[in-house]
Amino acid sequence: MDIEKNERINALFEFYQPLLTKKQNEYIQLYYADDYSLGEIAEEFEVSRQAVYDNIKRTEKILESYEDKLHLYADFEMRNRQADRIQRYVKEHYPDDAELNNLIANMENMEEE
């Protein structure tokens, strides 16, 4: 499996998971996050491998469609890049400014929550 695709689908899944059906959630979770094979998922749900494959491919397209419309993942990535630039700038130009460094630390903590 392509690592970049796996990372992208997992990221999109984190943003758009609530918009998917229960079955779509389960299949994507098992296939991408838990690294189950199509056969293992098919056995678990007592369906054909083709049914699992079709569902996963359809769900991938749905996730990409949500991202095309809502841009949640792209906006998140852009904000992270900007925050990284600000952090590097502050460390380089204002390493002794406690208040500024505290604000950056708070911003980092917000990301983790």
PDB file of N, CA and C in Angstrom:
ATOM      1  N   MET A   1       0.846  -1.184   0.000  1.00  0.00           N
ATOM      2  CA  MET A   1       0.000   0.000   0.000  1.00  0.00           C
ATOM      3  C   MET A   1       0.889   1.243   0.000  1.00  0.00           C
ATOM      4  N   ASP A   2       0.498   2.229  -0.751  1.00  0.00           N
ATOM      5  CA  ASP A   2       1.219   3.486  -0.864  1.00  0.00           C
ATOM      6  C   ASP A   2       1.135   4.247   0.466  1.00  0.00           C
ATOM      7  N   ILE A   3       2.284   4.536   1.068  1.00  0.00           N
ATOM      8  CA  ILE A   3       2.327   5.181   2.381  1.00  0.00           C
ATOM      9  C   ILE A   3       1.701   6.571   2.346  1.00  0.00           C
ATOM     10  N   GLU A   4       1.994   7.340   1.300  1.00  0.00           N
ATOM     11  CA  GLU A   4       1.431   8.692   1.196  1.00  0.00           C
ATOM     12  C   GLU A   4      -0.092   8.645   1.104  1.00  0.00           C
ATOM     13  N   LYS A   5      -0.605   7.705   0.319  1.00  0.00           N
ATOM     14  CA  LYS A   5      -2.062   7.575   0.200  1.00  0.00           C
ATOM     15  C   LYS A   5      -2.654   7.162   1.544  1.00  0.00           C
ATOM     16  N   ASN A   6      -1.991   6.226   2.201  1.00  0.00           N
ATOM     17  CA  ASN A   6      -2.463   5.763   3.514  1.00  0.00           C
ATOM     18  C   ASN A   6      -2.536   6.937   4.494  1.00  0.00           C
ATOM     19  N   GLU A   7      -1.490   7.744   4.537  1.00  0.00           N
ATOM     20  CA  GLU A   7      -1.470   8.902   5.443  1.00  0.00           C
ATOM     21  C   GLU A   7      -2.558   9.901   5.087  1.00  0.00           C
ATOM     22  N   ARG A   8      -2.763  10.126   3.800  1.00  0.00           N
ATOM     23  CA  ARG A   8      -3.790  11.087   3.384  1.00  0.00           C
ATOM     24  C   ARG A   8      -5.188  10.593   3.753  1.00  0.00           C
ATOM     25  N   ILE A   9      -5.476   9.335   3.461  1.00  0.00           N
ATOM     26  CA  ILE A   9      -6.804   8.804   3.773  1.00  0.00           C
ATOM     27  C   ILE A   9      -7.022   8.819   5.284  1.00  0.00           C
ATOM     28  N   ASN A  10      -6.015   8.457   6.058  1.00  0.00           N
ATOM     29  CA  ASN A  10      -6.153   8.511   7.519  1.00  0.00           C
ATOM     30  C   ASN A  10      -6.417   9.936   7.996  1.00  0.00           C
ATOM     31  N   ALA A  11      -5.737  10.915   7.402  1.00  0.00           N
ATOM     32  CA  ALA A  11      -5.944  12.317   7.786  1.00  0.00           C
ATOM     33  C   ALA A  11      -7.355  12.775   7.410  1.00  0.00           C
ATOM     34  N   LEU A  12      -7.776  12.455   6.191  1.00  0.00           N
ATOM     35  CA  LEU A  12      -9.129  12.827   5.778  1.00  0.00           C
ATOM     36  C   LEU A  12     -10.168  12.143   6.662  1.00  0.00           C
ATOM     37  N   PHE A  13      -9.901  10.896   7.012  1.00  0.00           N
ATOM     38  CA  PHE A  13     -10.808  10.139   7.874  1.00  0.00           C
ATOM     39  C   PHE A  13     -10.952  10.828   9.230  1.00  0.00           C
ATOM     40  N   GLU A  14      -9.861  11.353   9.766  1.00  0.00           N
ATOM     41  CA  GLU A  14      -9.932  12.053  11.050  1.00  0.00           C
ATOM     42  C   GLU A  14     -10.853  13.270  10.967  1.00  0.00           C
ATOM     43  N   PHE A  15     -10.827  13.977   9.857  1.00  0.00           N
ATOM     44  CA  PHE A  15     -11.648  15.177   9.710  1.00  0.00           C
ATOM     45  C   PHE A  15     -13.105  14.861   9.371  1.00  0.00           C
ATOM     46  N   TYR A  16     -13.320  13.880   8.514  1.00  0.00           N
ATOM     47  CA  TYR A  16     -14.655  13.663   7.965  1.00  0.00           C
ATOM     48  C   TYR A  16     -15.338  12.392   8.464  1.00  0.00           C
ATOM     49  N   GLN A  17     -14.733  11.695   9.384  1.00  0.00           N
ATOM     50  CA  GLN A  17     -15.288  10.440   9.910  1.00  0.00           C
ATOM     51  C   GLN A  17     -16.740  10.566  10.357  1.00  0.00           C
ATOM     52  N   PRO A  18     -17.130  11.638  11.037  1.00  0.00           N
ATOM     53  CA  PRO A  18     -18.534  11.723  11.467  1.00  0.00           C
ATOM     54  C   PRO A  18     -19.544  11.776  10.316  1.00  0.00           C
ATOM     55  N   LEU A  19     -19.084  12.087   9.117  1.00  0.00           N
ATOM     56  CA  LEU A  19     -19.988  12.193   7.974  1.00  0.00           C
ATOM     57  C   LEU A  19     -20.193  10.862   7.259  1.00  0.00           C
ATOM     58  N   LEU A  20     -19.464   9.838   7.658  1.00  0.00           N
ATOM     59  CA  LEU A  20     -19.548   8.534   7.009  1.00  0.00           C
ATOM     60  C   LEU A  20     -20.560   7.634   7.716  1.00  0.00           C
ATOM     61  N   THR A  21     -21.026   6.632   6.982  1.00  0.00           N
ATOM     62  CA  THR A  21     -21.923   5.643   7.581  1.00  0.00           C
ATOM     63  C   THR A  21     -21.128   4.731   8.509  1.00  0.00           C
ATOM     64  N   LYS A  22     -21.836   3.968   9.299  1.00  0.00           N
ATOM     65  CA  LYS A  22     -21.185   3.043  10.231  1.00  0.00           C
ATOM     66  C   LYS A  22     -20.296   2.049   9.473  1.00  0.00           C
ATOM     67  N   LYS A  23     -20.812   1.492   8.396  1.00  0.00           N
ATOM     68  CA  LYS A  23     -20.047   0.509   7.625  1.00  0.00           C
ATOM     69  C   LYS A  23     -18.812   1.151   6.992  1.00  0.00           C
ATOM     70  N   GLN A  24     -18.975   2.347   6.425  1.00  0.00           N
ATOM     71  CA  GLN A  24     -17.828   3.052   5.838  1.00  0.00           C
ATOM     72  C   GLN A  24     -16.768   3.304   6.908  1.00  0.00           C
ATOM     73  N   ASN A  25     -17.202   3.728   8.080  1.00  0.00           N
ATOM     74  CA  ASN A  25     -16.277   3.949   9.195  1.00  0.00           C
ATOM     75  C   ASN A  25     -15.516   2.680   9.535  1.00  0.00           C
ATOM     76  N   GLU A  26     -16.235   1.606   9.677  1.00  0.00           N
ATOM     77  CA  GLU A  26     -15.602   0.346  10.081  1.00  0.00           C
ATOM     78  C   GLU A  26     -14.612  -0.139   9.040  1.00  0.00           C
ATOM     79  N   TYR A  27     -15.001  -0.124   7.770  1.00  0.00           N
ATOM     80  CA  TYR A  27     -14.112  -0.610   6.715  1.00  0.00           C
ATOM     81  C   TYR A  27     -12.844   0.233   6.613  1.00  0.00           C
ATOM     82  N   ILE A  28     -13.003   1.571   6.611  1.00  0.00           N
ATOM     83  CA  ILE A  28     -11.832   2.453   6.488  1.00  0.00           C
ATOM     84  C   ILE A  28     -10.936   2.305   7.714  1.00  0.00           C
ATOM     85  N   GLN A  29     -11.532   2.247   8.885  1.00  0.00           N
ATOM     86  CA  GLN A  29     -10.755   2.064  10.125  1.00  0.00           C
ATOM     87  C   GLN A  29      -9.946   0.774  10.056  1.00  0.00           C
ATOM     88  N   LEU A  30     -10.595  -0.315   9.705  1.00  0.00           N
ATOM     89  CA  LEU A  30      -9.899  -1.596   9.659  1.00  0.00           C
ATOM     90  C   LEU A  30      -8.830  -1.622   8.564  1.00  0.00           C
ATOM     91  N   TYR A  31      -9.145  -1.112   7.393  1.00  0.00           N
ATOM     92  CA  TYR A  31      -8.217  -1.212   6.268  1.00  0.00           C
ATOM     93  C   TYR A  31      -7.029  -0.263   6.399  1.00  0.00           C
ATOM     94  N   TYR A  32      -7.298   0.997   6.693  1.00  0.00           N
ATOM     95  CA  TYR A  32      -6.219   1.988   6.714  1.00  0.00           C
ATOM     96  C   TYR A  32      -5.550   2.137   8.076  1.00  0.00           C
ATOM     97  N   ALA A  33      -6.324   2.165   9.135  1.00  0.00           N
ATOM     98  CA  ALA A  33      -5.728   2.400  10.451  1.00  0.00           C
ATOM     99  C   ALA A  33      -5.215   1.111  11.093  1.00  0.00           C
ATOM    100  N   ASP A  34      -5.997   0.032  10.951  1.00  0.00           N
ATOM    101  CA  ASP A  34      -5.635  -1.218  11.615  1.00  0.00           C
ATOM    102  C   ASP A  34      -4.918  -2.206  10.707  1.00  0.00           C
ATOM    103  N   ASP A  35      -4.759  -1.843   9.429  1.00  0.00           N
ATOM    104  CA  ASP A  35      -3.991  -2.624   8.456  1.00  0.00           C
ATOM    105  C   ASP A  35      -4.552  -4.028   8.214  1.00  0.00           C
ATOM    106  N   TYR A  36      -5.872  -4.153   8.246  1.00  0.00           N
ATOM    107  CA  TYR A  36      -6.503  -5.424   7.879  1.00  0.00           C
ATOM    108  C   TYR A  36      -6.448  -5.576   6.369  1.00  0.00           C
ATOM    109  N   SER A  37      -6.432  -6.806   5.902  1.00  0.00           N
ATOM    110  CA  SER A  37      -6.508  -7.065   4.469  1.00  0.00           C
ATOM    111  C   SER A  37      -7.981  -7.071   4.045  1.00  0.00           C
ATOM    112  N   LEU A  38      -8.203  -6.997   2.739  1.00  0.00           N
ATOM    113  CA  LEU A  38      -9.572  -7.067   2.233  1.00  0.00           C
ATOM    114  C   LEU A  38     -10.231  -8.379   2.653  1.00  0.00           C
ATOM    115  N   GLY A  39      -9.453  -9.456   2.595  1.00  0.00           N
ATOM    116  CA  GLY A  39      -9.969 -10.770   2.981  1.00  0.00           C
ATOM    117  C   GLY A  39     -10.361 -10.832   4.451  1.00  0.00           C
ATOM    118  N   GLU A  40      -9.554 -10.238   5.298  1.00  0.00           N
ATOM    119  CA  GLU A  40      -9.866 -10.240   6.735  1.00  0.00           C
ATOM    120  C   GLU A  40     -11.138  -9.440   7.028  1.00  0.00           C
ATOM    121  N   ILE A  41     -11.295  -8.323   6.356  1.00  0.00           N
ATOM    122  CA  ILE A  41     -12.504  -7.513   6.545  1.00  0.00           C
ATOM    123  C   ILE A  41     -13.719  -8.257   6.005  1.00  0.00           C
ATOM    124  N   ALA A  42     -13.558  -8.873   4.835  1.00  0.00           N
ATOM    125  CA  ALA A  42     -14.660  -9.630   4.237  1.00  0.00           C
ATOM    126  C   ALA A  42     -15.103 -10.755   5.169  1.00  0.00           C
ATOM    127  N   GLU A  43     -14.149 -11.434   5.748  1.00  0.00           N
ATOM    128  CA  GLU A  43     -14.462 -12.519   6.677  1.00  0.00           C
ATOM    129  C   GLU A  43     -15.177 -11.988   7.919  1.00  0.00           C
ATOM    130  N   GLU A  44     -14.701 -10.879   8.437  1.00  0.00           N
ATOM    131  CA  GLU A  44     -15.287 -10.265   9.629  1.00  0.00           C
ATOM    132  C   GLU A  44     -16.757  -9.891   9.413  1.00  0.00           C
ATOM    133  N   PHE A  45     -17.084  -9.388   8.220  1.00  0.00           N
ATOM    134  CA  PHE A  45     -18.438  -8.906   7.938  1.00  0.00           C
ATOM    135  C   PHE A  45     -19.255  -9.884   7.101  1.00  0.00           C
ATOM    136  N   GLU A  46     -18.648 -11.023   6.785  1.00  0.00           N
ATOM    137  CA  GLU A  46     -19.315 -12.072   6.009  1.00  0.00           C
ATOM    138  C   GLU A  46     -19.847 -11.545   4.677  1.00  0.00           C
ATOM    139  N   VAL A  47     -18.950 -10.847   3.966  1.00  0.00           N
ATOM    140  CA  VAL A  47     -19.239 -10.358   2.619  1.00  0.00           C
ATOM    141  C   VAL A  47     -18.065 -10.734   1.724  1.00  0.00           C
ATOM    142  N   SER A  48     -18.200 -10.459   0.439  1.00  0.00           N
ATOM    143  CA  SER A  48     -17.108 -10.786  -0.482  1.00  0.00           C
ATOM    144  C   SER A  48     -15.996  -9.745  -0.390  1.00  0.00           C
ATOM    145  N   ARG A  49     -14.816 -10.158  -0.815  1.00  0.00           N
ATOM    146  CA  ARG A  49     -13.691  -9.221  -0.874  1.00  0.00           C
ATOM    147  C   ARG A  49     -14.020  -8.076  -1.825  1.00  0.00           C
ATOM    148  N   GLN A  50     -14.728  -8.392  -2.915  1.00  0.00           N
ATOM    149  CA  GLN A  50     -15.098  -7.368  -3.892  1.00  0.00           C
ATOM    150  C   GLN A  50     -16.019  -6.325  -3.266  1.00  0.00           C
ATOM    151  N   ALA A  51     -16.933  -6.760  -2.414  1.00  0.00           N
ATOM    152  CA  ALA A  51     -17.842  -5.817  -1.741  1.00  0.00           C
ATOM    153  C   ALA A  51     -17.050  -4.881  -0.835  1.00  0.00           C
ATOM    154  N   VAL A  52     -16.069  -5.423  -0.127  1.00  0.00           N
ATOM    155  CA  VAL A  52     -15.223  -4.606   0.743  1.00  0.00           C
ATOM    156  C   VAL A  52     -14.417  -3.622  -0.096  1.00  0.00           C
ATOM    157  N   TYR A  53     -13.799  -4.118  -1.151  1.00  0.00           N
ATOM    158  CA  TYR A  53     -12.995  -3.275  -2.039  1.00  0.00           C
ATOM    159  C   TYR A  53     -13.834  -2.134  -2.607  1.00  0.00           C
ATOM    160  N   ASP A  54     -15.029  -2.452  -3.112  1.00  0.00           N
ATOM    161  CA  ASP A  54     -15.902  -1.431  -3.690  1.00  0.00           C
ATOM    162  C   ASP A  54     -16.283  -0.382  -2.653  1.00  0.00           C
ATOM    163  N   ASN A  55     -16.593  -0.822  -1.442  1.00  0.00           N
ATOM    164  CA  ASN A  55     -16.982   0.099  -0.379  1.00  0.00           C
ATOM    165  C   ASN A  55     -15.821   1.025  -0.021  1.00  0.00           C
ATOM    166  N   ILE A  56     -14.626   0.467   0.091  1.00  0.00           N
ATOM    167  CA  ILE A  56     -13.449   1.270   0.448  1.00  0.00           C
ATOM    168  C   ILE A  56     -13.150   2.292  -0.651  1.00  0.00           C
ATOM    169  N   LYS A  57     -13.175   1.861  -1.904  1.00  0.00           N
ATOM    170  CA  LYS A  57     -12.903   2.789  -3.014  1.00  0.00           C
ATOM    171  C   LYS A  57     -13.953   3.894  -3.069  1.00  0.00           C
ATOM    172  N   ARG A  58     -15.211   3.538  -2.873  1.00  0.00           N
ATOM    173  CA  ARG A  58     -16.286   4.530  -2.871  1.00  0.00           C
ATOM    174  C   ARG A  58     -16.098   5.512  -1.711  1.00  0.00           C
ATOM    175  N   THR A  59     -15.721   4.997  -0.553  1.00  0.00           N
ATOM    176  CA  THR A  59     -15.514   5.852   0.619  1.00  0.00           C
ATOM    177  C   THR A  59     -14.319   6.767   0.419  1.00  0.00           C
ATOM    178  N   GLU A  60     -13.256   6.285  -0.202  1.00  0.00           N
ATOM    179  CA  GLU A  60     -12.108   7.141  -0.514  1.00  0.00           C
ATOM    180  C   GLU A  60     -12.561   8.327  -1.369  1.00  0.00           C
ATOM    181  N   LYS A  61     -13.380   8.060  -2.374  1.00  0.00           N
ATOM    182  CA  LYS A  61     -13.883   9.133  -3.247  1.00  0.00           C
ATOM    183  C   LYS A  61     -14.754  10.104  -2.460  1.00  0.00           C
ATOM    184  N   ILE A  62     -15.547   9.582  -1.537  1.00  0.00           N
ATOM    185  CA  ILE A  62     -16.394  10.441  -0.703  1.00  0.00           C
ATOM    186  C   ILE A  62     -15.525  11.343   0.164  1.00  0.00           C
ATOM    187  N   LEU A  63     -14.489  10.782   0.778  1.00  0.00           N
ATOM    188  CA  LEU A  63     -13.585  11.579   1.616  1.00  0.00           C
ATOM    189  C   LEU A  63     -12.916  12.682   0.798  1.00  0.00           C
ATOM    190  N   GLU A  64     -12.450  12.336  -0.394  1.00  0.00           N
ATOM    191  CA  GLU A  64     -11.819  13.331  -1.264  1.00  0.00           C
ATOM    192  C   GLU A  64     -12.835  14.395  -1.695  1.00  0.00           C
ATOM    193  N   SER A  65     -14.062  13.986  -1.919  1.00  0.00           N
ATOM    194  CA  SER A  65     -15.113  14.936  -2.295  1.00  0.00           C
ATOM    195  C   SER A  65     -15.392  15.913  -1.159  1.00  0.00           C
ATOM    196  N   TYR A  66     -15.456  15.414   0.064  1.00  0.00           N
ATOM    197  CA  TYR A  66     -15.634  16.299   1.217  1.00  0.00           C
ATOM    198  C   TYR A  66     -14.490  17.298   1.313  1.00  0.00           C
ATOM    199  N   GLU A  67     -13.270  16.819   1.102  1.00  0.00           N
ATOM    200  CA  GLU A  67     -12.111  17.706   1.186  1.00  0.00           C
ATOM    201  C   GLU A  67     -12.149  18.749   0.068  1.00  0.00           C
ATOM    202  N   ASP A  68     -12.551  18.347  -1.129  1.00  0.00           N
ATOM    203  CA  ASP A  68     -12.659  19.293  -2.245  1.00  0.00           C
ATOM    204  C   ASP A  68     -13.631  20.419  -1.921  1.00  0.00           C
ATOM    205  N   LYS A  69     -14.681  20.093  -1.191  1.00  0.00           N
ATOM    206  CA  LYS A  69     -15.712  21.086  -0.877  1.00  0.00           C
ATOM    207  C   LYS A  69     -15.406  21.890   0.377  1.00  0.00           C
ATOM    208  N   LEU A  70     -14.866  21.234   1.409  1.00  0.00           N
ATOM    209  CA  LEU A  70     -14.730  21.869   2.719  1.00  0.00           C
ATOM    210  C   LEU A  70     -13.305  22.315   3.061  1.00  0.00           C
ATOM    211  N   HIS A  71     -12.305  21.693   2.477  1.00  0.00           N
ATOM    212  CA  HIS A  71     -10.889  22.066   2.653  1.00  0.00           C
ATOM    213  C   HIS A  71     -10.412  22.020   4.110  1.00  0.00           C
ATOM    214  N   LEU A  72     -11.009  21.195   4.942  1.00  0.00           N
ATOM    215  CA  LEU A  72     -10.605  21.162   6.351  1.00  0.00           C
ATOM    216  C   LEU A  72      -9.160  20.702   6.522  1.00  0.00           C
ATOM    217  N   TYR A  73      -8.780  19.667   5.799  1.00  0.00           N
ATOM    218  CA  TYR A  73      -7.421  19.147   5.914  1.00  0.00           C
ATOM    219  C   TYR A  73      -6.405  20.124   5.320  1.00  0.00           C
ATOM    220  N   ALA A  74      -6.707  20.683   4.167  1.00  0.00           N
ATOM    221  CA  ALA A  74      -5.790  21.645   3.531  1.00  0.00           C
ATOM    222  C   ALA A  74      -5.609  22.870   4.422  1.00  0.00           C
ATOM    223  N   ASP A  75      -6.705  23.364   4.992  1.00  0.00           N
ATOM    224  CA  ASP A  75      -6.610  24.525   5.881  1.00  0.00           C
ATOM    225  C   ASP A  75      -5.809  24.196   7.133  1.00  0.00           C
ATOM    226  N   PHE A  76      -5.988  23.012   7.665  1.00  0.00           N
ATOM    227  CA  PHE A  76      -5.235  22.557   8.834  1.00  0.00           C
ATOM    228  C   PHE A  76      -3.744  22.521   8.523  1.00  0.00           C
ATOM    229  N   GLU A  77      -3.392  21.966   7.383  1.00  0.00           N
ATOM    230  CA  GLU A  77      -1.986  21.898   6.962  1.00  0.00           C
ATOM    231  C   GLU A  77      -1.403  23.303   6.788  1.00  0.00           C
ATOM    232  N   MET A  78      -2.168  24.202   6.190  1.00  0.00           N
ATOM    233  CA  MET A  78      -1.704  25.570   5.979  1.00  0.00           C
ATOM    234  C   MET A  78      -1.470  26.270   7.318  1.00  0.00           C
ATOM    235  N   ARG A  79      -2.400  26.114   8.256  1.00  0.00           N
ATOM    236  CA  ARG A  79      -2.235  26.729   9.582  1.00  0.00           C
ATOM    237  C   ARG A  79      -1.005  26.163  10.292  1.00  0.00           C
ATOM    238  N   ASN A  80      -0.780  24.873  10.164  1.00  0.00           N
ATOM    239  CA  ASN A  80       0.394  24.259  10.801  1.00  0.00           C
ATOM    240  C   ASN A  80       1.693  24.783  10.208  1.00  0.00           C
ATOM    241  N   ARG A  81       1.741  24.931   8.894  1.00  0.00           N
ATOM    242  CA  ARG A  81       2.948  25.485   8.261  1.00  0.00           C
ATOM    243  C   ARG A  81       3.196  26.913   8.730  1.00  0.00           C
ATOM    244  N   GLN A  82       2.137  27.712   8.808  1.00  0.00           N
ATOM    245  CA  GLN A  82       2.272  29.092   9.258  1.00  0.00           C
ATOM    246  C   GLN A  82       2.720  29.142  10.715  1.00  0.00           C
ATOM    247  N   ALA A  83       2.151  28.302  11.545  1.00  0.00           N
ATOM    248  CA  ALA A  83       2.543  28.264  12.959  1.00  0.00           C
ATOM    249  C   ALA A  83       4.006  27.852  13.104  1.00  0.00           C
ATOM    250  N   ASP A  84       4.454  26.922  12.289  1.00  0.00           N
ATOM    251  CA  ASP A  84       5.866  26.515  12.317  1.00  0.00           C
ATOM    252  C   ASP A  84       6.780  27.670  11.918  1.00  0.00           C
ATOM    253  N   ARG A  85       6.375  28.439  10.910  1.00  0.00           N
ATOM    254  CA  ARG A  85       7.176  29.602  10.481  1.00  0.00           C
ATOM    255  C   ARG A  85       7.263  30.632  11.599  1.00  0.00           C
ATOM    256  N   ILE A  86       6.147  30.895  12.249  1.00  0.00           N
ATOM    257  CA  ILE A  86       6.128  31.858  13.354  1.00  0.00           C
ATOM    258  C   ILE A  86       7.034  31.380  14.478  1.00  0.00           C
ATOM    259  N   GLN A  87       6.929  30.108  14.806  1.00  0.00           N
ATOM    260  CA  GLN A  87       7.743  29.540  15.889  1.00  0.00           C
ATOM    261  C   GLN A  87       9.239  29.664  15.575  1.00  0.00           C
ATOM    262  N   ARG A  88       9.644  29.335  14.351  1.00  0.00           N
ATOM    263  CA  ARG A  88      11.053  29.449  13.968  1.00  0.00           C
ATOM    264  C   ARG A  88      11.514  30.902  14.043  1.00  0.00           C
ATOM    265  N   TYR A  89      10.684  31.817  13.572  1.00  0.00           N
ATOM    266  CA  TYR A  89      11.021  33.233  13.580  1.00  0.00           C
ATOM    267  C   TYR A  89      11.222  33.738  15.006  1.00  0.00           C
ATOM    268  N   VAL A  90      10.313  33.377  15.884  1.00  0.00           N
ATOM    269  CA  VAL A  90      10.405  33.821  17.279  1.00  0.00           C
ATOM    270  C   VAL A  90      11.658  33.257  17.932  1.00  0.00           C
ATOM    271  N   LYS A  91      11.927  31.983  17.716  1.00  0.00           N
ATOM    272  CA  LYS A  91      13.115  31.372  18.323  1.00  0.00           C
ATOM    273  C   LYS A  91      14.397  32.022  17.810  1.00  0.00           C
ATOM    274  N   GLU A  92      14.379  32.409  16.545  1.00  0.00           N
ATOM    275  CA  GLU A  92      15.571  33.020  15.948  1.00  0.00           C
ATOM    276  C   GLU A  92      15.745  34.477  16.369  1.00  0.00           C
ATOM    277  N   HIS A  93      14.654  35.232  16.393  1.00  0.00           N
ATOM    278  CA  HIS A  93      14.760  36.677  16.604  1.00  0.00           C
ATOM    279  C   HIS A  93      14.409  37.142  18.021  1.00  0.00           C
ATOM    280  N   TYR A  94      13.632  36.349  18.736  1.00  0.00           N
ATOM    281  CA  TYR A  94      13.193  36.762  20.077  1.00  0.00           C
ATOM    282  C   TYR A  94      13.300  35.606  21.080  1.00  0.00           C
ATOM    283  N   PRO A  95      14.454  34.979  21.179  1.00  0.00           N
ATOM    284  CA  PRO A  95      14.563  33.797  22.047  1.00  0.00           C
ATOM    285  C   PRO A  95      14.349  34.096  23.537  1.00  0.00           C
ATOM    286  N   ASP A  96      14.554  35.343  23.948  1.00  0.00           N
ATOM    287  CA  ASP A  96      14.446  35.679  25.369  1.00  0.00           C
ATOM    288  C   ASP A  96      13.116  36.338  25.734  1.00  0.00           C
ATOM    289  N   ASP A  97      12.209  36.448  24.791  1.00  0.00           N
ATOM    290  CA  ASP A  97      10.913  37.072  25.060  1.00  0.00           C
ATOM    291  C   ASP A  97       9.983  36.021  25.676  1.00  0.00           C
ATOM    292  N   ALA A  98       9.886  36.035  26.989  1.00  0.00           N
ATOM    293  CA  ALA A  98       9.119  35.020  27.715  1.00  0.00           C
ATOM    294  C   ALA A  98       7.637  35.039  27.327  1.00  0.00           C
ATOM    295  N   GLU A  99       7.073  36.228  27.207  1.00  0.00           N
ATOM    296  CA  GLU A  99       5.644  36.329  26.871  1.00  0.00           C
ATOM    297  C   GLU A  99       5.357  35.745  25.490  1.00  0.00           C
ATOM    298  N   LEU A 100       6.179  36.084  24.517  1.00  0.00           N
ATOM    299  CA  LEU A 100       6.002  35.573  23.162  1.00  0.00           C
ATOM    300  C   LEU A 100       6.182  34.058  23.124  1.00  0.00           C
ATOM    301  N   ASN A 101       7.198  33.554  23.813  1.00  0.00           N
ATOM    302  CA  ASN A 101       7.415  32.111  23.851  1.00  0.00           C
ATOM    303  C   ASN A 101       6.284  31.391  24.584  1.00  0.00           C
ATOM    304  N   ASN A 102       5.705  32.040  25.587  1.00  0.00           N
ATOM    305  CA  ASN A 102       4.566  31.461  26.293  1.00  0.00           C
ATOM    306  C   ASN A 102       3.346  31.380  25.370  1.00  0.00           C
ATOM    307  N   LEU A 103       3.123  32.413  24.576  1.00  0.00           N
ATOM    308  CA  LEU A 103       2.018  32.398  23.614  1.00  0.00           C
ATOM    309  C   LEU A 103       2.176  31.258  22.604  1.00  0.00           C
ATOM    310  N   ILE A 104       3.381  31.043  22.143  1.00  0.00           N
ATOM    311  CA  ILE A 104       3.643  29.962  21.191  1.00  0.00           C
ATOM    312  C   ILE A 104       3.417  28.602  21.858  1.00  0.00           C
ATOM    313  N   ALA A 105       3.867  28.462  23.093  1.00  0.00           N
ATOM    314  CA  ALA A 105       3.648  27.208  23.822  1.00  0.00           C
ATOM    315  C   ALA A 105       2.152  26.932  23.981  1.00  0.00           C
ATOM    316  N   ASN A 106       1.385  27.974  24.283  1.00  0.00           N
ATOM    317  CA  ASN A 106      -0.074  27.818  24.395  1.00  0.00           C
ATOM    318  C   ASN A 106      -0.697  27.407  23.078  1.00  0.00           C
ATOM    319  N   MET A 107      -0.212  27.983  21.977  1.00  0.00           N
ATOM    320  CA  MET A 107      -0.714  27.633  20.660  1.00  0.00           C
ATOM    321  C   MET A 107      -0.433  26.169  20.349  1.00  0.00           C
ATOM    322  N   GLU A 108       0.768  25.700  20.696  1.00  0.00           N
ATOM    323  CA  GLU A 108       1.126  24.300  20.475  1.00  0.00           C
ATOM    324  C   GLU A 108       0.236  23.382  21.289  1.00  0.00           C
ATOM    325  N   ASN A 109      -0.076  23.773  22.526  1.00  0.00           N
ATOM    326  CA  ASN A 109      -0.941  22.961  23.368  1.00  0.00           C
ATOM    327  C   ASN A 109      -2.350  22.886  22.812  1.00  0.00           C
ATOM    328  N   MET A 110      -2.821  23.947  22.177  1.00  0.00           N
ATOM    329  CA  MET A 110      -4.146  23.946  21.570  1.00  0.00           C
ATOM    330  C   MET A 110      -4.214  22.924  20.444  1.00  0.00           C
ATOM    331  N   GLU A 111      -3.148  22.780  19.687  1.00  0.00           N
ATOM    332  CA  GLU A 111      -3.108  21.807  18.593  1.00  0.00           C
ATOM    333  C   GLU A 111      -3.245  20.393  19.110  1.00  0.00           C
ATOM    334  N   GLU A 112      -2.667  20.103  20.250  1.00  0.00           N
ATOM    335  CA  GLU A 112      -2.649  18.754  20.796  1.00  0.00           C
ATOM    336  C   GLU A 112      -3.987  18.343  21.378  1.00  0.00           C
ATOM    337  N   GLU A 113      -4.820  19.315  21.727  1.00  0.00           N
ATOM    338  CA  GLU A 113      -6.105  18.998  22.360  1.00  0.00           C
ATOM    339  C   GLU A 113      -7.120  18.487  21.399  1.00  0.00           C
TER     340      GLU A 113
END
